[in-house]
Protein backbone atom coordinates (compact mmCIF):
# COMPACT_ATOMS: atom_id res chain seq x y z
CA MET A 1 -45.31 -67.42 -139.84
CA LEU A 2 -47.96 -64.88 -138.25
CA ALA A 3 -50.09 -64.56 -141.33
CA SER A 4 -49.91 -68.17 -142.02
CA MET A 5 -50.89 -69.44 -138.96
CA LYS A 6 -53.65 -66.72 -138.86
CA GLU A 7 -54.92 -68.25 -141.99
CA VAL A 8 -55.21 -71.62 -140.83
CA CYS A 9 -56.32 -70.79 -137.64
CA ASP A 10 -59.13 -68.43 -139.07
CA ASP A 11 -62.92 -69.51 -138.51
CA GLN A 12 -63.92 -69.27 -141.80
CA SER A 13 -61.37 -71.59 -143.32
CA TRP A 14 -60.67 -73.94 -139.60
CA SER A 15 -61.35 -77.67 -140.51
CA PRO A 16 -61.20 -79.85 -137.56
CA THR A 17 -59.72 -82.97 -139.77
CA ASP A 18 -57.72 -81.14 -142.29
CA SER A 19 -55.85 -78.01 -140.70
CA LYS A 20 -52.66 -78.69 -139.78
CA ILE A 21 -51.21 -75.68 -137.05
CA SER A 22 -47.79 -77.77 -136.63
CA GLU A 23 -47.28 -77.50 -140.43
CA VAL A 24 -46.36 -73.91 -140.30
CA PHE A 25 -43.75 -74.26 -137.66
CA LEU A 26 -42.36 -77.18 -139.72
CA GLU A 27 -42.21 -75.04 -143.28
CA ASN A 28 -40.94 -72.30 -141.33
CA SER A 29 -38.45 -73.87 -139.54
CA HIS A 30 -35.15 -73.11 -141.41
CA LYS A 31 -36.12 -69.47 -141.79
CA LEU A 32 -36.82 -69.19 -138.49
CA GLU A 33 -32.98 -71.04 -137.31
CA LYS A 34 -31.44 -68.98 -140.19
CA LEU A 35 -33.15 -65.45 -138.79
CA TYR A 36 -32.30 -66.43 -135.07
CA VAL A 37 -28.46 -67.20 -136.03
CA ILE A 38 -27.98 -63.51 -137.91
CA TYR A 39 -29.86 -62.25 -134.45
CA ILE A 40 -27.24 -63.75 -132.25
CA ASP A 41 -24.47 -62.54 -134.36
CA ASN A 42 -25.28 -59.07 -133.94
CA ARG A 43 -26.60 -59.46 -130.41
CA GLU A 44 -23.36 -58.22 -129.22
CA ARG A 45 -22.81 -55.29 -131.63
CA SER A 46 -26.39 -54.30 -130.86
CA GLU A 47 -25.57 -53.87 -127.18
CA LYS A 48 -22.59 -52.38 -127.25
CA THR A 49 -24.03 -49.79 -129.92
CA ILE A 50 -26.64 -49.21 -126.77
CA MET A 51 -23.88 -48.88 -124.42
CA ASP A 52 -22.14 -45.76 -126.61
CA CYS A 53 -25.33 -44.25 -127.24
CA GLN A 54 -25.91 -44.15 -123.60
CA ASN A 55 -22.17 -42.70 -122.85
CA LYS A 56 -22.75 -40.36 -125.90
CA ASP A 57 -25.95 -39.21 -125.90
CA GLU A 58 -27.94 -38.00 -122.17
CA ASN A 59 -31.08 -37.77 -123.66
CA PHE A 60 -30.82 -41.01 -124.72
CA LYS A 61 -29.57 -42.34 -121.26
CA ASN A 62 -32.79 -41.16 -119.78
CA PHE A 63 -35.15 -41.98 -121.86
CA LEU A 64 -33.95 -45.48 -121.55
CA ALA A 65 -34.30 -44.66 -117.42
CA GLN A 66 -37.31 -44.01 -118.02
CA CYS A 67 -38.42 -46.68 -120.05
CA THR A 68 -37.56 -48.82 -116.89
CA LYS A 69 -40.31 -47.05 -114.65
CA SER A 70 -43.07 -47.07 -117.26
CA ARG A 71 -45.94 -49.61 -116.96
CA GLU A 72 -45.93 -49.99 -120.59
CA THR A 73 -42.34 -51.55 -120.71
CA LYS A 74 -43.43 -53.89 -117.74
CA PHE A 75 -40.24 -52.13 -116.33
CA THR A 76 -38.36 -53.99 -117.99
CA GLU A 77 -34.76 -52.79 -119.53
CA LEU A 78 -34.22 -52.80 -123.31
CA LYS A 79 -31.70 -54.96 -122.68
CA GLU A 80 -34.33 -57.48 -121.10
CA LEU A 81 -36.76 -56.97 -124.09
CA LEU A 82 -33.77 -57.93 -126.29
CA LEU A 83 -33.79 -61.38 -124.81
CA LYS A 84 -37.55 -61.95 -125.77
CA PRO A 85 -36.90 -63.40 -129.08
CA PHE A 86 -34.78 -66.55 -127.18
CA GLN A 87 -37.12 -66.71 -124.81
CA ARG A 88 -40.32 -67.34 -127.21
CA LEU A 89 -38.32 -69.70 -129.19
CA THR A 90 -37.90 -72.00 -125.88
CA ARG A 91 -41.98 -71.90 -125.97
CA TYR A 92 -42.17 -72.99 -129.36
CA PRO A 93 -41.21 -76.69 -128.77
CA LEU A 94 -43.76 -76.64 -125.30
CA LEU A 95 -46.65 -74.89 -127.13
CA LEU A 96 -46.66 -78.29 -129.66
CA ARG A 97 -45.85 -80.81 -127.07
CA GLY A 98 -48.04 -80.17 -124.53
CA LYS A 99 -47.93 -77.95 -121.41
CA ILE A 100 -50.55 -76.45 -119.18
CA LEU A 101 -49.39 -72.72 -118.98
CA HIS A 102 -50.48 -70.11 -116.36
CA SER A 103 -50.80 -66.40 -116.58
CA PRO A 104 -46.80 -64.80 -115.64
CA ASN A 105 -48.41 -61.93 -113.72
CA THR A 106 -47.60 -63.69 -110.40
CA SER A 107 -46.63 -60.36 -108.91
CA HIS A 108 -50.42 -58.94 -109.63
CA GLN A 109 -51.34 -62.78 -108.64
CA LYS A 110 -49.71 -62.31 -105.18
CA LYS A 111 -51.12 -58.93 -104.83
CA THR A 112 -54.54 -59.34 -105.87
CA ASN A 113 -54.64 -63.18 -104.20
CA SER A 114 -56.78 -64.23 -107.73
CA THR A 115 -56.19 -67.54 -109.36
CA TYR A 116 -55.84 -67.68 -113.29
CA PRO A 117 -57.21 -70.17 -115.19
CA PRO A 118 -55.00 -72.21 -116.72
CA ILE A 119 -54.36 -71.78 -120.58
CA HIS A 120 -54.45 -75.50 -122.53
CA THR A 121 -51.21 -75.88 -125.04
CA GLU A 122 -51.55 -79.28 -125.52
CA LEU A 123 -51.59 -79.83 -129.22
CA ASN A 124 -50.31 -82.77 -129.09
CA LYS A 125 -51.63 -84.58 -125.91
CA GLN A 126 -55.16 -83.20 -127.63
CA THR A 127 -54.53 -84.74 -130.76
CA PRO A 128 -55.66 -88.14 -131.50
CA ASP A 129 -53.06 -90.81 -133.18
CA THR A 130 -55.63 -91.51 -136.11
CA HIS A 131 -55.66 -87.34 -137.20
CA ALA A 132 -54.07 -86.59 -140.26
CA GLU A 133 -51.86 -84.03 -138.49
CA LYS A 134 -49.86 -86.36 -135.56
CA PRO A 135 -47.12 -87.08 -137.36
CA ILE A 136 -46.44 -83.86 -138.64
CA ILE A 137 -46.92 -82.48 -134.98
CA LEU A 138 -43.92 -84.84 -134.05
CA GLN A 139 -41.69 -83.55 -136.64
CA ALA A 140 -42.71 -80.23 -135.68
CA ILE A 141 -41.80 -80.90 -132.47
CA THR A 142 -38.17 -82.19 -133.17
CA ALA A 143 -37.37 -79.39 -135.26
CA MET A 144 -38.16 -76.89 -132.83
CA GLU A 145 -36.21 -78.33 -130.44
CA ASN A 146 -33.36 -78.53 -132.65
CA ILE A 147 -33.45 -75.11 -133.53
CA ALA A 148 -33.82 -74.44 -129.61
CA HIS A 149 -30.63 -76.63 -129.12
CA SER A 150 -28.38 -75.12 -131.64
CA VAL A 151 -29.35 -71.28 -130.86
CA ASP A 152 -28.48 -72.27 -127.27
CA GLU A 153 -25.08 -73.60 -128.30
CA LYS A 154 -24.50 -70.53 -130.64
CA MET A 155 -25.07 -68.18 -127.50
CA GLY A 156 -23.09 -70.18 -125.29
CA GLN A 157 -19.79 -70.08 -128.14
CA ILE A 158 -20.84 -66.74 -128.61
CA LYS A 159 -20.67 -65.66 -124.27
CA SER A 160 -17.16 -67.91 -123.96
CA THR A 161 -15.51 -65.80 -126.91
CA VAL A 162 -17.05 -62.33 -125.62
CA LEU A 163 -15.74 -63.03 -122.48
CA LEU A 164 -12.29 -64.02 -123.41
CA PHE A 165 -12.04 -60.82 -125.39
CA GLN A 166 -12.68 -58.63 -122.67
CA ALA A 167 -10.42 -60.59 -120.29
CA GLN A 168 -7.93 -59.93 -122.22
CA ARG A 169 -8.64 -56.12 -122.92
CA GLU A 170 -9.59 -55.37 -119.24
CA THR A 171 -6.16 -57.10 -117.73
CA LYS A 172 -3.24 -55.12 -117.28
CA ASP A 173 0.00 -56.70 -119.13
CA CYS A 174 -2.27 -59.79 -120.34
CA PRO A 175 -0.34 -61.64 -122.75
CA ALA A 176 -1.71 -61.75 -126.47
CA THR A 177 -1.62 -65.51 -126.78
CA ILE A 178 -4.73 -65.93 -124.39
CA ILE A 179 -6.38 -65.34 -127.68
CA ALA A 180 -6.06 -68.73 -129.59
CA ASN A 181 -8.03 -70.70 -132.14
CA ASN A 182 -10.34 -73.32 -130.15
CA ARG A 183 -10.00 -71.34 -126.64
CA LYS A 184 -12.87 -70.73 -124.71
CA CYS A 185 -13.23 -68.50 -121.11
CA LEU A 186 -15.90 -70.72 -119.43
CA LEU A 187 -16.47 -68.85 -115.94
CA THR A 188 -14.96 -66.47 -113.76
CA ILE A 189 -14.82 -66.80 -110.12
CA ASP A 190 -13.43 -64.21 -106.91
CA ALA A 191 -11.19 -65.70 -104.95
CA MET A 192 -8.73 -64.54 -102.42
CA ASP A 193 -5.13 -66.11 -101.95
CA ASN A 194 -3.38 -66.71 -98.70
CA ARG A 195 -1.79 -63.58 -98.78
CA ALA A 196 -5.40 -62.27 -98.64
CA VAL A 197 -5.23 -60.35 -101.55
CA ARG A 198 -8.12 -60.13 -104.14
CA ASN A 199 -7.81 -62.22 -107.21
CA LYS A 200 -10.17 -63.18 -110.38
CA LEU A 201 -10.04 -66.54 -111.63
CA PHE A 202 -10.91 -67.00 -115.38
CA LEU A 203 -11.30 -70.34 -116.31
CA CYS A 204 -10.81 -71.68 -119.62
CA ASN A 205 -10.92 -75.00 -121.59
CA ASP A 206 -7.47 -75.60 -121.20
CA LEU A 207 -6.03 -73.47 -118.42
CA ILE A 208 -6.85 -70.54 -115.65
CA MET A 209 -5.63 -67.09 -116.13
CA VAL A 210 -5.09 -65.82 -112.79
CA THR A 211 -5.52 -62.33 -112.06
CA THR A 212 -5.59 -59.62 -109.32
CA TYR A 213 -8.00 -56.42 -109.37
CA GLU A 214 -6.42 -52.92 -109.99
CA LYS A 215 -7.37 -50.40 -107.79
CA THR A 216 -8.59 -47.63 -109.14
CA GLY A 217 -8.97 -43.52 -108.16
CA GLY A 218 -6.62 -42.12 -106.01
CA PHE A 219 -4.51 -43.06 -103.29
CA GLY A 220 -5.35 -45.43 -101.03
CA SER A 221 -8.79 -46.30 -102.79
CA ALA A 222 -10.66 -49.43 -102.34
CA TYR A 223 -12.81 -49.35 -105.42
CA PHE A 224 -12.49 -51.90 -108.25
CA ARG A 225 -14.06 -52.17 -111.03
CA PRO A 226 -15.88 -55.51 -112.33
CA LEU A 227 -14.98 -57.20 -115.76
CA ALA A 228 -17.98 -55.77 -118.11
CA ALA A 229 -20.93 -58.55 -118.09
CA ALA A 230 -18.80 -61.46 -116.93
CA GLU A 231 -21.36 -62.18 -115.00
CA GLY A 232 -23.95 -60.53 -116.67
CA GLY A 233 -24.43 -62.01 -119.82
CA ILE A 234 -22.89 -61.33 -123.77
CA GLY A 235 -21.60 -58.59 -123.98
CA GLY A 236 -23.96 -56.00 -121.40
CA GLY A 237 -22.18 -53.70 -119.87
CA ALA A 238 -19.06 -53.29 -121.71
CA GLY A 239 -18.71 -49.56 -121.69
CA GLY A 240 -17.26 -47.99 -124.17
CA SER A 241 -14.63 -48.65 -126.72
CA ALA A 242 -11.46 -50.68 -126.79
CA GLY A 243 -9.13 -47.95 -127.10
CA ASN A 244 -10.34 -46.66 -123.77
CA ILE A 245 -11.17 -48.74 -121.52
CA ARG A 246 -8.84 -48.92 -118.26
CA PRO A 247 -7.42 -52.02 -116.80
CA SER A 248 -9.77 -53.68 -114.65
CA TYR A 249 -7.20 -56.36 -113.62
CA LYS A 250 -3.62 -57.21 -113.30
CA PHE A 251 -2.10 -60.41 -114.73
CA LEU A 252 -0.21 -62.71 -112.69
CA ARG A 253 -0.01 -65.92 -114.17
CA PHE A 254 -1.11 -68.73 -116.65
CA ILE A 255 -1.63 -72.31 -115.15
CA ASP A 256 -2.06 -75.18 -117.86
CA LEU A 257 -4.58 -77.39 -116.96
CA LEU A 258 -2.42 -80.48 -117.83
CA ASP A 259 0.00 -78.98 -115.17
CA ILE A 260 -2.56 -79.88 -112.42
CA GLU A 261 -1.31 -82.56 -110.11
CA ASP A 262 -4.49 -82.03 -107.76
CA VAL A 263 -7.15 -80.16 -106.51
CA GLU A 264 -8.69 -80.29 -102.94
CA ASP A 265 -11.85 -78.82 -101.91
CA LEU A 266 -10.74 -77.88 -98.31
CA ALA A 267 -12.94 -76.80 -95.40
CA ASP A 268 -13.21 -73.01 -94.97
CA ASP A 269 -13.74 -72.86 -98.62
CA ILE A 270 -10.20 -72.86 -99.33
CA LEU A 271 -9.15 -74.40 -102.73
CA LYS A 272 -5.95 -76.16 -103.12
CA ILE A 273 -4.12 -76.43 -106.37
CA LYS A 274 -0.98 -78.11 -106.60
CA LEU A 275 1.07 -78.25 -109.99
CA ARG A 276 3.82 -80.43 -111.29
CA THR A 277 6.96 -79.73 -113.00
CA PRO A 278 5.59 -78.29 -116.43
CA GLY A 279 6.39 -80.24 -119.95
CA PRO A 280 8.13 -78.67 -123.04
CA ASN A 281 4.87 -77.25 -124.25
CA SER A 282 3.31 -75.92 -121.66
CA LEU A 283 1.01 -72.71 -120.99
CA SER A 284 1.70 -72.40 -117.35
CA THR A 285 3.50 -69.20 -116.64
CA LEU A 286 6.85 -70.39 -114.66
CA THR A 287 8.01 -66.78 -113.50
CA SER A 288 6.64 -63.22 -112.30
CA LEU A 289 6.90 -60.28 -114.30
CA ASN A 290 10.12 -59.36 -111.97
CA GLY A 291 11.64 -63.09 -113.02
CA SER A 292 11.12 -64.48 -109.64
CA PRO A 293 9.70 -68.12 -109.35
CA LEU A 294 5.86 -68.30 -109.11
CA PRO A 295 4.78 -71.30 -106.57
CA MET A 296 3.70 -74.82 -107.39
CA VAL A 297 1.24 -74.94 -104.35
CA LEU A 298 -2.00 -72.82 -104.37
CA ASP A 299 -4.55 -71.79 -102.51
CA PHE A 300 -7.69 -70.08 -103.11
CA LYS A 301 -10.87 -69.16 -101.04
CA ILE A 302 -13.56 -68.65 -102.46
CA ASP A 303 -16.16 -67.79 -100.36
CA SER A 304 -19.64 -69.37 -100.21
CA GLN A 305 -21.02 -67.81 -97.59
CA ALA A 306 -22.54 -64.52 -99.18
CA ALA A 307 -26.21 -65.00 -101.17
CA GLY A 308 -25.94 -66.94 -104.49
CA ASN A 309 -22.10 -67.59 -103.59
CA ALA A 310 -22.62 -71.90 -102.89
CA LYS A 311 -24.00 -71.85 -106.09
CA ASN A 312 -21.78 -70.42 -108.06
CA ARG A 313 -18.28 -72.06 -106.01
CA PHE A 314 -19.81 -75.65 -106.51
CA THR A 315 -20.57 -74.70 -110.30
CA PHE A 316 -16.37 -72.92 -110.47
CA VAL A 317 -15.13 -76.47 -108.88
CA GLN A 318 -17.07 -78.91 -110.91
CA THR A 319 -16.39 -77.20 -114.25
CA PHE A 320 -13.06 -76.89 -113.47
CA GLN A 321 -12.32 -80.55 -111.76
CA ASN A 322 -14.44 -81.80 -115.09
CA GLU A 323 -12.28 -79.58 -117.26
CA ILE A 324 -8.95 -80.85 -116.02
CA LYS A 325 -10.36 -84.44 -116.71
CA LEU A 326 -11.11 -83.28 -120.49
CA ALA A 327 -7.96 -81.74 -120.91
CA ARG A 328 -6.17 -85.32 -119.82
CA LYS A 329 -8.43 -87.12 -122.15
CA HIS A 330 -7.67 -84.92 -125.09
CA ALA A 331 -3.77 -84.96 -124.55
CA GLN A 332 -4.07 -88.87 -124.56
CA LYS A 333 -5.14 -89.34 -127.74
C-alpha cells in the first residue's frame, strides 16, 4: 500500500487530472480488513506473551522499563505501541473525508508556547465534483469507515469474551456455567453492600455476577488484587497462566436480569435492586453456598465522588438498565 501511494504521489508521475490517491485505499481495503482481523485475533496472545516474558526474564522486564523512559519511544509502553495500528486505521476516513489536523505534540507546544501550522487533509473537500477521482473518494471513505466499524466491533466482542474468562478464572467457587454461548461481560464496577462488604459486580448481557474481594497476604491483610485488565483493555495485565493465578474474588451469586423487578438509583450513590420470584428457567442463585436463602432486595453503594467515578457509575447504571430492557424484549419474542 505504501509503495502504491509513493508511486501515485511521485513528482514525475503525478497528474492533477488522472492521479487518484483514494484508489490506493479502495484497492487495498479488503487486504486491510483481513490483516486487522488477524491482528485483533492475536492481540490477547501477544499481550499475554509479553507478560509471560516479563515474569520469566528479568532482562526483558528491565528492557521494557527502560524503553518507557526513552525519548526514542516517546516514553510509550509496548502495549500502547501495539495500539498504534488501530489508531492509524481510524485516521484514514479523516484523511479522505477532510479534517484540519495539528501537531500531536501538545506537551511541547505548551512548553514552548508555539503554534504549529495546520496540516490540511481535505482530500474530499478540495476535490471538485467534476474531478474524475470524486466518486472514488466517496467509495474509499465508505470502505475505510466500514473497516473501522468492523474492527471496533470485533475488538468489543473479544474484550467481552476475555473479561468473561478472566472473571471465571479469578473468582473462587465461580460456576463453570458462567461461560456460555452468546454471553458477554460488558462492564465491571466496585460497590459496597449494606454490610460495608466490598463487592465486585460483573454485568453481562443476561445476568449480573456478584462477588466479594478475596483478601491476600497474612492474617488481617487489607490488600486486594483487582481483576487483571478488567478496566485496562483487552488482556492487558493478565499475569501468568490459568494454573498459577490466585483468585481475586469469591463468588456470591448470579442475578438473572429477567428476575429484576425494579432498579432504583437513589441518593447517596445507592443502587437498589428488587427481585421477583424466579421462573423455572432462571439463572439466579437462590441460596448461598451454605444453603441459606439469599435476599430479594439488594442495596449497593457505588461511589461517584472519587476522580473518574461519576462517569463510570453513570455508564454502569445506564447500561444495566438498558440490558434489563433488552433482556425483557428478547424474552417476549
